[in-house]
Amino acid sequence: MRQPGRPKEEIDLEQLEKLCELQCTQKEIAQFFRIHPETLKKRVEEHYDRKWAEVAEDFRGAGKCSLRRMQWKSASNGNVSMQIFLGKNILGQTDKMEKKVNTAPINIQFVKAAPSED
């Protein structure tokens, strides 16, 4: 006997993980698979037996590690801009500009105005 409704949408879990690593949003991933974001959420939660947000965060974390590894490699290979960026973001370094302002005392005198003749 035929079941009512549309067939269950299956998603490629390996592709899902890669899209999460690329920091894609739930909506973008759903669009990639041509399904509704709620359908994506249901399929992920059924497969991993965890909330969508937890699963996505775990795979996004792997993507962040990969990006950090590439940044570190770039800095290690002499990319000065990346060295500065990592210094600021990891070591808390800052660009500090000091301005010295030469101030002299100001002498202000108050003069009482003459009464007006109206």
C-alpha atoms as a PDB file:
ATOM      1  CA  MET A   1       0.000   0.000   0.000  1.00  0.00           C
ATOM      2  CA  ARG A   2       1.238   3.430  -0.911  1.00  0.00           C
ATOM      3  CA  GLN A   3       2.083   5.818   1.936  1.00  0.00           C
ATOM      4  CA  PRO A   4       0.467   9.233   1.801  1.00  0.00           C
ATOM      5  CA  GLY A   5       2.509  12.364   1.231  1.00  0.00           C
ATOM      6  CA  ARG A   6       5.827  13.010  -0.399  1.00  0.00           C
ATOM      7  CA  PRO A   7       8.780  10.656  -0.065  1.00  0.00           C
ATOM      8  CA  LYS A   8      11.131  11.415   2.816  1.00  0.00           C
ATOM      9  CA  GLU A   9      13.885  13.839   1.767  1.00  0.00           C
ATOM     10  CA  GLU A  10      17.323  12.367   2.373  1.00  0.00           C
ATOM     11  CA  ILE A  11      20.406  14.536   2.638  1.00  0.00           C
ATOM     12  CA  ASP A  12      24.061  13.752   2.015  1.00  0.00           C
ATOM     13  CA  LEU A  13      25.487  13.961   5.528  1.00  0.00           C
ATOM     14  CA  GLU A  14      29.086  14.279   4.327  1.00  0.00           C
ATOM     15  CA  GLN A  15      28.069  17.278   2.216  1.00  0.00           C
ATOM     16  CA  LEU A  16      26.123  18.712   5.170  1.00  0.00           C
ATOM     17  CA  GLU A  17      29.244  18.514   7.354  1.00  0.00           C
ATOM     18  CA  LYS A  18      31.371  20.257   4.716  1.00  0.00           C
ATOM     19  CA  LEU A  19      28.798  23.046   4.331  1.00  0.00           C
ATOM     20  CA  CYS A  20      28.781  23.560   8.092  1.00  0.00           C
ATOM     21  CA  GLU A  21      32.590  23.714   8.086  1.00  0.00           C
ATOM     22  CA  LEU A  22      32.297  26.502   5.499  1.00  0.00           C
ATOM     23  CA  GLN A  23      30.122  28.366   8.051  1.00  0.00           C
ATOM     24  CA  CYS A  24      26.981  28.163   5.887  1.00  0.00           C
ATOM     25  CA  THR A  25      23.717  29.041   7.617  1.00  0.00           C
ATOM     26  CA  GLN A  26      20.833  26.627   8.080  1.00  0.00           C
ATOM     27  CA  LYS A  27      18.919  28.469   5.365  1.00  0.00           C
ATOM     28  CA  GLU A  28      21.854  28.279   2.910  1.00  0.00           C
ATOM     29  CA  ILE A  29      22.330  24.558   3.534  1.00  0.00           C
ATOM     30  CA  ALA A  30      18.601  23.925   3.085  1.00  0.00           C
ATOM     31  CA  GLN A  31      18.709  25.871  -0.190  1.00  0.00           C
ATOM     32  CA  PHE A  32      21.675  23.778  -1.322  1.00  0.00           C
ATOM     33  CA  PHE A  33      19.670  20.573  -0.735  1.00  0.00           C
ATOM     34  CA  ARG A  34      16.499  22.220  -2.110  1.00  0.00           C
ATOM     35  CA  ILE A  35      14.533  21.535   1.044  1.00  0.00           C
ATOM     36  CA  HIS A  36      12.854  23.686   3.678  1.00  0.00           C
ATOM     37  CA  PRO A  37      15.071  24.683   6.636  1.00  0.00           C
ATOM     38  CA  GLU A  38      12.702  22.896   9.036  1.00  0.00           C
ATOM     39  CA  THR A  39      13.041  19.701   6.973  1.00  0.00           C
ATOM     40  CA  LEU A  40      16.835  20.003   7.195  1.00  0.00           C
ATOM     41  CA  LYS A  41      16.581  20.483  10.943  1.00  0.00           C
ATOM     42  CA  LYS A  42      14.371  17.384  11.315  1.00  0.00           C
ATOM     43  CA  ARG A  43      16.673  15.175   9.220  1.00  0.00           C
ATOM     44  CA  VAL A  44      19.775  16.285  11.107  1.00  0.00           C
ATOM     45  CA  GLU A  45      18.148  15.796  14.498  1.00  0.00           C
ATOM     46  CA  GLU A  46      16.871  12.331  13.470  1.00  0.00           C
ATOM     47  CA  HIS A  47      20.287  11.203  12.242  1.00  0.00           C
ATOM     48  CA  TYR A  48      22.535  12.654  14.946  1.00  0.00           C
ATOM     49  CA  ASP A  49      20.006  12.381  17.796  1.00  0.00           C
ATOM     50  CA  ARG A  50      21.000  15.912  18.870  1.00  0.00           C
ATOM     51  CA  LYS A  51      19.666  19.421  18.326  1.00  0.00           C
ATOM     52  CA  TRP A  52      20.446  21.102  14.987  1.00  0.00           C
ATOM     53  CA  ALA A  53      22.318  23.961  16.703  1.00  0.00           C
ATOM     54  CA  GLU A  54      24.645  21.550  18.538  1.00  0.00           C
ATOM     55  CA  VAL A  55      25.436  19.548  15.409  1.00  0.00           C
ATOM     56  CA  ALA A  56      26.012  22.643  13.290  1.00  0.00           C
ATOM     57  CA  GLU A  57      28.227  24.220  15.947  1.00  0.00           C
ATOM     58  CA  ASP A  58      30.419  21.104  16.155  1.00  0.00           C
ATOM     59  CA  PHE A  59      31.027  21.001  12.405  1.00  0.00           C
ATOM     60  CA  ARG A  60      31.466  24.779  12.193  1.00  0.00           C
ATOM     61  CA  GLY A  61      34.130  24.435  14.887  1.00  0.00           C
ATOM     62  CA  ALA A  62      36.083  22.093  12.624  1.00  0.00           C
ATOM     63  CA  GLY A  63      35.912  24.711   9.876  1.00  0.00           C
ATOM     64  CA  LYS A  64      37.226  27.382  12.220  1.00  0.00           C
ATOM     65  CA  CYS A  65      40.161  25.147  13.159  1.00  0.00           C
ATOM     66  CA  SER A  66      40.943  24.650   9.492  1.00  0.00           C
ATOM     67  CA  LEU A  67      40.846  28.394   8.845  1.00  0.00           C
ATOM     68  CA  ARG A  68      43.087  29.069  11.837  1.00  0.00           C
ATOM     69  CA  ARG A  69      45.560  26.454  10.552  1.00  0.00           C
ATOM     70  CA  MET A  70      45.696  28.204   7.153  1.00  0.00           C
ATOM     71  CA  GLN A  71      46.147  31.604   8.806  1.00  0.00           C
ATOM     72  CA  TRP A  72      48.926  30.261  10.998  1.00  0.00           C
ATOM     73  CA  LYS A  73      50.660  28.713   8.009  1.00  0.00           C
ATOM     74  CA  SER A  74      50.358  31.980   6.089  1.00  0.00           C
ATOM     75  CA  ALA A  75      51.858  33.917   9.010  1.00  0.00           C
ATOM     76  CA  SER A  76      54.636  31.329   9.394  1.00  0.00           C
ATOM     77  CA  ASN A  77      55.481  31.754   5.717  1.00  0.00           C
ATOM     78  CA  GLY A  78      56.137  35.454   6.264  1.00  0.00           C
ATOM     79  CA  ASN A  79      52.774  37.086   5.550  1.00  0.00           C
ATOM     80  CA  VAL A  80      53.243  40.209   7.670  1.00  0.00           C
ATOM     81  CA  SER A  81      49.567  41.210   7.475  1.00  0.00           C
ATOM     82  CA  MET A  82      48.560  37.833   8.874  1.00  0.00           C
ATOM     83  CA  GLN A  83      51.227  38.076  11.580  1.00  0.00           C
ATOM     84  CA  ILE A  84      49.785  41.430  12.653  1.00  0.00           C
ATOM     85  CA  PHE A  85      46.211  40.123  12.498  1.00  0.00           C
ATOM     86  CA  LEU A  86      47.024  37.065  14.634  1.00  0.00           C
ATOM     87  CA  GLY A  87      49.058  39.180  17.040  1.00  0.00           C
ATOM     88  CA  LYS A  88      46.078  41.444  17.622  1.00  0.00           C
ATOM     89  CA  ASN A  89      43.505  38.655  17.855  1.00  0.00           C
ATOM     90  CA  ILE A  90      45.439  36.006  19.753  1.00  0.00           C
ATOM     91  CA  LEU A  91      48.015  37.996  21.704  1.00  0.00           C
ATOM     92  CA  GLY A  92      45.858  41.065  22.344  1.00  0.00           C
ATOM     93  CA  GLN A  93      48.345  43.399  20.688  1.00  0.00           C
ATOM     94  CA  THR A  94      47.090  46.792  19.536  1.00  0.00           C
ATOM     95  CA  ASP A  95      48.166  49.698  17.397  1.00  0.00           C
ATOM     96  CA  LYS A  96      48.831  52.529  19.792  1.00  0.00           C
ATOM     97  CA  MET A  97      49.419  56.028  18.578  1.00  0.00           C
ATOM     98  CA  GLU A  98      50.565  58.594  21.077  1.00  0.00           C
ATOM     99  CA  LYS A  99      49.906  62.235  20.432  1.00  0.00           C
ATOM    100  CA  LYS A 100      51.581  64.850  22.493  1.00  0.00           C
ATOM    101  CA  VAL A 101      49.679  68.084  22.575  1.00  0.00           C
ATOM    102  CA  ASN A 102      51.577  71.220  23.532  1.00  0.00           C
ATOM    103  CA  THR A 103      49.274  73.277  25.684  1.00  0.00           C
ATOM    104  CA  ALA A 104      50.046  76.694  27.054  1.00  0.00           C
ATOM    105  CA  PRO A 105      48.055  78.347  29.808  1.00  0.00           C
ATOM    106  CA  ILE A 106      45.367  80.673  28.572  1.00  0.00           C
ATOM    107  CA  ASN A 107      44.801  83.935  30.390  1.00  0.00           C
ATOM    108  CA  ILE A 108      41.165  85.039  30.232  1.00  0.00           C
ATOM    109  CA  GLN A 109      40.090  88.429  31.491  1.00  0.00           C
ATOM    110  CA  PHE A 110      36.477  89.381  32.051  1.00  0.00           C
ATOM    111  CA  VAL A 111      35.570  92.977  31.396  1.00  0.00           C
ATOM    112  CA  LYS A 112      32.372  94.477  32.667  1.00  0.00           C
ATOM    113  CA  ALA A 113      30.353  95.950  29.808  1.00  0.00           C
ATOM    114  CA  ALA A 114      29.380  99.585  29.982  1.00  0.00           C
ATOM    115  CA  PRO A 115      25.696 100.177  30.594  1.00  0.00           C
ATOM    116  CA  SER A 116      23.773 100.748  27.410  1.00  0.00           C
ATOM    117  CA  GLU A 117      21.937 103.984  26.804  1.00  0.00           C
ATOM    118  CA  ASP A 118      18.454 103.090  25.622  1.00  0.00           C
END
